[in-house]
Amino acid sequence: MVGKRGVSAYLERAAQRQIERDSLNDLIAEFDQANGPAEPEVVAVKRAKLTGNAPLTETRAAT
């Protein structure tokens, strides 16, 4: 069983994550308004690099 403080800390962290996501969504919306939306292919490549799931390139696949 989790005590009241454990639940409170959990909810506080969840609220903080939501605030961070909301702020990020605001930044993305501002970027899109100023520059147009990002190309999905470019986003996919950047996301793969950030998450460590970069696709193999021809030179990497050959080794």
C-alpha atoms as a PDB file:
ATOM      1  CA  MET A   1       0.000   0.000   0.000  1.00  0.00           C
ATOM      2  CA  VAL A   2       1.267   3.470  -0.879  1.00  0.00           C
ATOM      3  CA  GLY A   3       1.078   6.191   1.741  1.00  0.00           C
ATOM      4  CA  LYS A   4      -0.502   9.574   1.159  1.00  0.00           C
ATOM      5  CA  ARG A   5       2.860  11.219   0.497  1.00  0.00           C
ATOM      6  CA  GLY A   6       3.733   8.555  -2.094  1.00  0.00           C
ATOM      7  CA  VAL A   7       0.513   9.189  -3.982  1.00  0.00           C
ATOM      8  CA  SER A   8       0.977  12.938  -3.666  1.00  0.00           C
ATOM      9  CA  ALA A   9       4.524  12.745  -5.045  1.00  0.00           C
ATOM     10  CA  TYR A  10       3.327  10.551  -7.905  1.00  0.00           C
ATOM     11  CA  LEU A  11       0.573  13.005  -8.805  1.00  0.00           C
ATOM     12  CA  GLU A  12       2.979  15.924  -8.549  1.00  0.00           C
ATOM     13  CA  ARG A  13       5.395  14.253 -11.007  1.00  0.00           C
ATOM     14  CA  ALA A  14       2.527  13.408 -13.376  1.00  0.00           C
ATOM     15  CA  ALA A  15       1.300  17.013 -13.297  1.00  0.00           C
ATOM     16  CA  GLN A  16       4.841  18.287 -13.967  1.00  0.00           C
ATOM     17  CA  ARG A  17       5.209  15.966 -16.974  1.00  0.00           C
ATOM     18  CA  GLN A  18       1.896  17.212 -18.348  1.00  0.00           C
ATOM     19  CA  ILE A  19       2.980  20.844 -17.947  1.00  0.00           C
ATOM     20  CA  GLU A  20       6.227  20.067 -19.797  1.00  0.00           C
ATOM     21  CA  ARG A  21       4.298  18.399 -22.627  1.00  0.00           C
ATOM     22  CA  ASP A  22       1.903  21.323 -22.864  1.00  0.00           C
ATOM     23  CA  SER A  23       4.844  23.735 -23.071  1.00  0.00           C
ATOM     24  CA  LEU A  24       6.452  21.623 -25.785  1.00  0.00           C
ATOM     25  CA  ASN A  25       3.192  21.542 -27.744  1.00  0.00           C
ATOM     26  CA  ASP A  26       3.059  25.358 -27.533  1.00  0.00           C
ATOM     27  CA  LEU A  27       6.611  25.605 -28.911  1.00  0.00           C
ATOM     28  CA  ILE A  28       5.778  23.232 -31.759  1.00  0.00           C
ATOM     29  CA  ALA A  29       2.660  25.235 -32.628  1.00  0.00           C
ATOM     30  CA  GLU A  30       4.690  28.469 -32.698  1.00  0.00           C
ATOM     31  CA  PHE A  31       7.309  26.849 -34.937  1.00  0.00           C
ATOM     32  CA  ASP A  32       4.652  25.518 -37.307  1.00  0.00           C
ATOM     33  CA  GLN A  33       3.008  28.930 -37.509  1.00  0.00           C
ATOM     34  CA  ALA A  34       6.300  30.662 -38.313  1.00  0.00           C
ATOM     35  CA  ASN A  35       7.852  28.006 -40.579  1.00  0.00           C
ATOM     36  CA  GLY A  36       5.109  25.657 -41.684  1.00  0.00           C
ATOM     37  CA  PRO A  37       4.822  22.115 -40.423  1.00  0.00           C
ATOM     38  CA  ALA A  38       7.903  19.900 -40.337  1.00  0.00           C
ATOM     39  CA  GLU A  39       8.140  17.182 -42.967  1.00  0.00           C
ATOM     40  CA  PRO A  40       7.171  13.796 -41.466  1.00  0.00           C
ATOM     41  CA  GLU A  41      10.221  12.082 -42.988  1.00  0.00           C
ATOM     42  CA  VAL A  42      12.593  14.590 -41.402  1.00  0.00           C
ATOM     43  CA  VAL A  43      10.844  14.233 -38.048  1.00  0.00           C
ATOM     44  CA  ALA A  44      11.120  10.437 -38.257  1.00  0.00           C
ATOM     45  CA  VAL A  45      14.876  10.601 -38.900  1.00  0.00           C
ATOM     46  CA  LYS A  46      15.447  13.027 -36.016  1.00  0.00           C
ATOM     47  CA  ARG A  47      13.251  10.963 -33.673  1.00  0.00           C
ATOM     48  CA  ALA A  48      15.176   7.801 -34.572  1.00  0.00           C
ATOM     49  CA  LYS A  49      18.478   9.514 -33.803  1.00  0.00           C
ATOM     50  CA  LEU A  50      17.223  10.841 -30.467  1.00  0.00           C
ATOM     51  CA  THR A  51      15.823   7.487 -29.369  1.00  0.00           C
ATOM     52  CA  GLY A  52      18.780   5.451 -30.577  1.00  0.00           C
ATOM     53  CA  ASN A  53      16.681   3.707 -33.222  1.00  0.00           C
ATOM     54  CA  ALA A  54      18.439   5.253 -36.199  1.00  0.00           C
ATOM     55  CA  PRO A  55      17.871   3.221 -39.362  1.00  0.00           C
ATOM     56  CA  LEU A  56      20.878   1.496 -40.850  1.00  0.00           C
ATOM     57  CA  THR A  57      22.506   3.383 -43.672  1.00  0.00           C
ATOM     58  CA  GLU A  58      23.969   1.591 -46.666  1.00  0.00           C
ATOM     59  CA  THR A  59      27.502   1.874 -45.246  1.00  0.00           C
ATOM     60  CA  ARG A  60      26.484   0.617 -41.812  1.00  0.00           C
ATOM     61  CA  ALA A  61      24.420  -2.224 -43.256  1.00  0.00           C
ATOM     62  CA  ALA A  62      27.392  -3.466 -45.277  1.00  0.00           C
ATOM     63  CA  THR A  63      29.511  -4.104 -42.165  1.00  0.00           C
END
